[in-house]
Amino acid sequence: MNASPQHPDRTDDELAALDVTVLLRYGLTAEAGPRRTALFGDGAAAAAVTLDRLHTQPRSVAFLAEVVRAGGVAYAAELPEPLPRPEAAQIVRGWLEAATQLAGGAPADEATARWLGAVATIIELKHLARARAQQN
């Protein structure tokens, strides 16, 4: 018997259709469980697909994660340009504003920073997979 949970396969289009803002709203301050898992699983993948389609570099998202960690979500949400590309900046600002509305304090700031770090990692993996595919 396989005790590991099944992970449904989702296409990038299906992931991109997810409402990341809602996943943040309900998962960011949730205790460990399905909501937190959805945020750090499908939510991070959905955010990565969205930002990758806008040609966002993973290092930009990783840098934003460090800004959130150092200054908090509210500070990052007020940045005039949280990411270099205007379309990506607008989307991520909405996510940051959703996180700010939770008033979760330092734990929510840290969770947001970790989530952004996960998003950056997924974008980097997508870049590496594309580079490998082009080599073959």
C-alpha atoms as a PDB file:
ATOM      1  CA  MET A   1       0.000   0.000   0.000  1.00  0.00           C
ATOM      2  CA  ASN A   2       1.304   3.429  -0.936  1.00  0.00           C
ATOM      3  CA  ALA A   3       0.962   5.717   2.094  1.00  0.00           C
ATOM      4  CA  SER A   4       1.997   8.868   0.244  1.00  0.00           C
ATOM      5  CA  PRO A   5      -0.799  11.203  -0.846  1.00  0.00           C
ATOM      6  CA  GLN A   6      -1.629  11.432  -4.506  1.00  0.00           C
ATOM      7  CA  HIS A   7      -0.748  14.689  -6.182  1.00  0.00           C
ATOM      8  CA  PRO A   8      -3.037  15.495  -9.076  1.00  0.00           C
ATOM      9  CA  ASP A   9      -1.375  16.514 -12.293  1.00  0.00           C
ATOM     10  CA  ARG A  10      -2.304  20.020 -13.345  1.00  0.00           C
ATOM     11  CA  THR A  11      -1.338  21.795 -16.499  1.00  0.00           C
ATOM     12  CA  ASP A  12       0.210  25.234 -16.411  1.00  0.00           C
ATOM     13  CA  ASP A  13      -3.055  26.627 -17.777  1.00  0.00           C
ATOM     14  CA  GLU A  14      -5.009  25.018 -14.939  1.00  0.00           C
ATOM     15  CA  LEU A  15      -2.560  26.363 -12.379  1.00  0.00           C
ATOM     16  CA  ALA A  16      -2.624  29.845 -13.901  1.00  0.00           C
ATOM     17  CA  ALA A  17      -6.416  29.862 -13.547  1.00  0.00           C
ATOM     18  CA  LEU A  18      -6.232  29.420  -9.761  1.00  0.00           C
ATOM     19  CA  ASP A  19      -6.998  32.460  -7.615  1.00  0.00           C
ATOM     20  CA  VAL A  20      -3.706  32.928  -5.785  1.00  0.00           C
ATOM     21  CA  THR A  21      -5.125  35.833  -3.776  1.00  0.00           C
ATOM     22  CA  VAL A  22      -7.803  33.574  -2.278  1.00  0.00           C
ATOM     23  CA  LEU A  23      -5.234  30.878  -1.516  1.00  0.00           C
ATOM     24  CA  LEU A  24      -3.109  33.489   0.280  1.00  0.00           C
ATOM     25  CA  ARG A  25      -6.092  34.835   2.188  1.00  0.00           C
ATOM     26  CA  TYR A  26      -7.097  31.432   3.521  1.00  0.00           C
ATOM     27  CA  GLY A  27      -3.749  29.657   3.715  1.00  0.00           C
ATOM     28  CA  LEU A  28      -1.209  32.175   4.917  1.00  0.00           C
ATOM     29  CA  THR A  29      -2.245  32.316   8.563  1.00  0.00           C
ATOM     30  CA  ALA A  30      -3.812  28.838   8.670  1.00  0.00           C
ATOM     31  CA  GLU A  31      -2.380  26.137  10.868  1.00  0.00           C
ATOM     32  CA  ALA A  32      -0.633  23.233   9.172  1.00  0.00           C
ATOM     33  CA  GLY A  33      -3.246  21.424   7.137  1.00  0.00           C
ATOM     34  CA  PRO A  34      -5.059  21.480   3.808  1.00  0.00           C
ATOM     35  CA  ARG A  35      -5.227  25.268   3.424  1.00  0.00           C
ATOM     36  CA  ARG A  36      -1.535  25.768   4.113  1.00  0.00           C
ATOM     37  CA  THR A  37      -0.710  22.824   1.850  1.00  0.00           C
ATOM     38  CA  ALA A  38      -2.828  24.292  -0.952  1.00  0.00           C
ATOM     39  CA  LEU A  39      -1.042  27.643  -0.623  1.00  0.00           C
ATOM     40  CA  PHE A  40       2.486  26.231  -0.627  1.00  0.00           C
ATOM     41  CA  GLY A  41       1.638  23.572  -3.227  1.00  0.00           C
ATOM     42  CA  ASP A  42      -0.772  24.597  -5.948  1.00  0.00           C
ATOM     43  CA  GLY A  43      -0.678  28.256  -4.897  1.00  0.00           C
ATOM     44  CA  ALA A  44       3.095  28.544  -5.212  1.00  0.00           C
ATOM     45  CA  ALA A  45       3.023  26.651  -8.509  1.00  0.00           C
ATOM     46  CA  ALA A  46       0.216  28.882  -9.811  1.00  0.00           C
ATOM     47  CA  ALA A  47       2.104  32.027  -8.820  1.00  0.00           C
ATOM     48  CA  ALA A  48       5.264  30.687 -10.463  1.00  0.00           C
ATOM     49  CA  VAL A  49       3.437  29.909 -13.706  1.00  0.00           C
ATOM     50  CA  THR A  50       1.862  33.367 -13.730  1.00  0.00           C
ATOM     51  CA  LEU A  51       5.130  35.195 -13.080  1.00  0.00           C
ATOM     52  CA  ASP A  52       7.133  32.957 -15.414  1.00  0.00           C
ATOM     53  CA  ARG A  53       4.721  33.757 -18.236  1.00  0.00           C
ATOM     54  CA  LEU A  54       5.529  37.424 -17.594  1.00  0.00           C
ATOM     55  CA  HIS A  55       9.262  36.642 -17.935  1.00  0.00           C
ATOM     56  CA  THR A  56       9.970  37.311 -14.265  1.00  0.00           C
ATOM     57  CA  GLN A  57      13.410  36.230 -13.146  1.00  0.00           C
ATOM     58  CA  PRO A  58      13.488  33.952 -10.092  1.00  0.00           C
ATOM     59  CA  ARG A  59      16.122  36.144  -8.453  1.00  0.00           C
ATOM     60  CA  SER A  60      13.659  39.065  -8.500  1.00  0.00           C
ATOM     61  CA  VAL A  61      11.095  37.029  -6.576  1.00  0.00           C
ATOM     62  CA  ALA A  62      13.783  35.718  -4.198  1.00  0.00           C
ATOM     63  CA  PHE A  63      14.908  39.305  -3.561  1.00  0.00           C
ATOM     64  CA  LEU A  64      11.308  40.325  -2.848  1.00  0.00           C
ATOM     65  CA  ALA A  65      11.087  37.443  -0.362  1.00  0.00           C
ATOM     66  CA  GLU A  66      14.088  38.890   1.482  1.00  0.00           C
ATOM     67  CA  VAL A  67      12.518  42.361   1.441  1.00  0.00           C
ATOM     68  CA  VAL A  68       9.372  40.889   3.007  1.00  0.00           C
ATOM     69  CA  ARG A  69      11.463  39.033   5.566  1.00  0.00           C
ATOM     70  CA  ALA A  70      13.394  42.188   6.502  1.00  0.00           C
ATOM     71  CA  GLY A  71      10.686  44.837   6.286  1.00  0.00           C
ATOM     72  CA  GLY A  72       7.392  42.985   6.473  1.00  0.00           C
ATOM     73  CA  VAL A  73       4.571  42.468   4.021  1.00  0.00           C
ATOM     74  CA  ALA A  74       3.091  45.945   4.535  1.00  0.00           C
ATOM     75  CA  TYR A  75       6.416  47.559   3.666  1.00  0.00           C
ATOM     76  CA  ALA A  76       6.825  45.427   0.544  1.00  0.00           C
ATOM     77  CA  ALA A  77       3.243  46.133  -0.560  1.00  0.00           C
ATOM     78  CA  GLU A  78       4.032  49.862  -0.583  1.00  0.00           C
ATOM     79  CA  LEU A  79       7.079  49.525  -2.831  1.00  0.00           C
ATOM     80  CA  PRO A  80       6.559  51.434  -6.079  1.00  0.00           C
ATOM     81  CA  GLU A  81       8.008  48.508  -8.035  1.00  0.00           C
ATOM     82  CA  PRO A  82       8.075  45.218  -6.079  1.00  0.00           C
ATOM     83  CA  LEU A  83       9.193  43.416  -9.263  1.00  0.00           C
ATOM     84  CA  PRO A  84      10.968  44.888 -12.314  1.00  0.00           C
ATOM     85  CA  ARG A  85       8.247  44.293 -14.917  1.00  0.00           C
ATOM     86  CA  PRO A  86       5.084  46.424 -14.523  1.00  0.00           C
ATOM     87  CA  GLU A  87       2.649  43.567 -15.206  1.00  0.00           C
ATOM     88  CA  ALA A  88       4.359  41.300 -12.688  1.00  0.00           C
ATOM     89  CA  ALA A  89       4.629  44.145 -10.176  1.00  0.00           C
ATOM     90  CA  GLN A  90       0.892  44.779 -10.396  1.00  0.00           C
ATOM     91  CA  ILE A  91       0.034  41.122  -9.833  1.00  0.00           C
ATOM     92  CA  VAL A  92       2.438  40.622  -6.956  1.00  0.00           C
ATOM     93  CA  ARG A  93       1.290  43.862  -5.328  1.00  0.00           C
ATOM     94  CA  GLY A  94      -2.233  42.402  -5.208  1.00  0.00           C
ATOM     95  CA  TRP A  95      -0.875  39.302  -3.505  1.00  0.00           C
ATOM     96  CA  LEU A  96       1.085  41.400  -1.006  1.00  0.00           C
ATOM     97  CA  GLU A  97      -1.967  43.551  -0.271  1.00  0.00           C
ATOM     98  CA  ALA A  98      -4.022  40.410   0.377  1.00  0.00           C
ATOM     99  CA  ALA A  99      -1.354  39.227   2.818  1.00  0.00           C
ATOM    100  CA  THR A 100      -1.290  42.645   4.500  1.00  0.00           C
ATOM    101  CA  GLN A 101      -5.047  42.548   5.129  1.00  0.00           C
ATOM    102  CA  LEU A 102      -4.643  39.442   7.280  1.00  0.00           C
ATOM    103  CA  ALA A 103      -2.871  41.393  10.039  1.00  0.00           C
ATOM    104  CA  GLY A 104      -0.950  38.259  10.961  1.00  0.00           C
ATOM    105  CA  GLY A 105       2.118  40.101  12.230  1.00  0.00           C
ATOM    106  CA  ALA A 106       5.623  38.688  12.072  1.00  0.00           C
ATOM    107  CA  PRO A 107       4.488  35.059  11.581  1.00  0.00           C
ATOM    108  CA  ALA A 108       2.493  36.053   8.472  1.00  0.00           C
ATOM    109  CA  ASP A 109       5.447  38.101   7.215  1.00  0.00           C
ATOM    110  CA  GLU A 110       7.721  35.082   7.578  1.00  0.00           C
ATOM    111  CA  ALA A 111       5.173  32.763   5.950  1.00  0.00           C
ATOM    112  CA  THR A 112       4.830  35.191   3.035  1.00  0.00           C
ATOM    113  CA  ALA A 113       8.611  35.357   2.644  1.00  0.00           C
ATOM    114  CA  ARG A 114       8.844  31.549   2.665  1.00  0.00           C
ATOM    115  CA  TRP A 115       6.008  31.311   0.130  1.00  0.00           C
ATOM    116  CA  LEU A 116       7.711  33.824  -2.182  1.00  0.00           C
ATOM    117  CA  GLY A 117      10.917  31.806  -1.808  1.00  0.00           C
ATOM    118  CA  ALA A 118       9.020  28.701  -2.916  1.00  0.00           C
ATOM    119  CA  VAL A 119       7.625  30.611  -5.908  1.00  0.00           C
ATOM    120  CA  ALA A 120      11.154  31.716  -6.864  1.00  0.00           C
ATOM    121  CA  THR A 121      12.410  28.137  -6.610  1.00  0.00           C
ATOM    122  CA  ILE A 122       9.654  26.841  -8.890  1.00  0.00           C
ATOM    123  CA  ILE A 123      10.381  29.556 -11.464  1.00  0.00           C
ATOM    124  CA  GLU A 124      14.063  28.591 -11.365  1.00  0.00           C
ATOM    125  CA  LEU A 125      13.165  24.924 -11.895  1.00  0.00           C
ATOM    126  CA  LYS A 126      11.004  25.868 -14.880  1.00  0.00           C
ATOM    127  CA  HIS A 127      13.950  27.812 -16.345  1.00  0.00           C
ATOM    128  CA  LEU A 128      16.310  24.864 -15.815  1.00  0.00           C
ATOM    129  CA  ALA A 129      13.839  22.414 -17.386  1.00  0.00           C
ATOM    130  CA  ARG A 130      13.471  24.633 -20.455  1.00  0.00           C
ATOM    131  CA  ALA A 131      17.248  24.989 -20.782  1.00  0.00           C
ATOM    132  CA  ARG A 132      17.692  21.203 -20.603  1.00  0.00           C
ATOM    133  CA  ALA A 133      14.964  20.646 -23.163  1.00  0.00           C
ATOM    134  CA  GLN A 134      16.670  23.064 -25.555  1.00  0.00           C
ATOM    135  CA  GLN A 135      19.980  21.198 -25.176  1.00  0.00           C
ATOM    136  CA  ASN A 136      18.405  17.886 -26.144  1.00  0.00           C
END
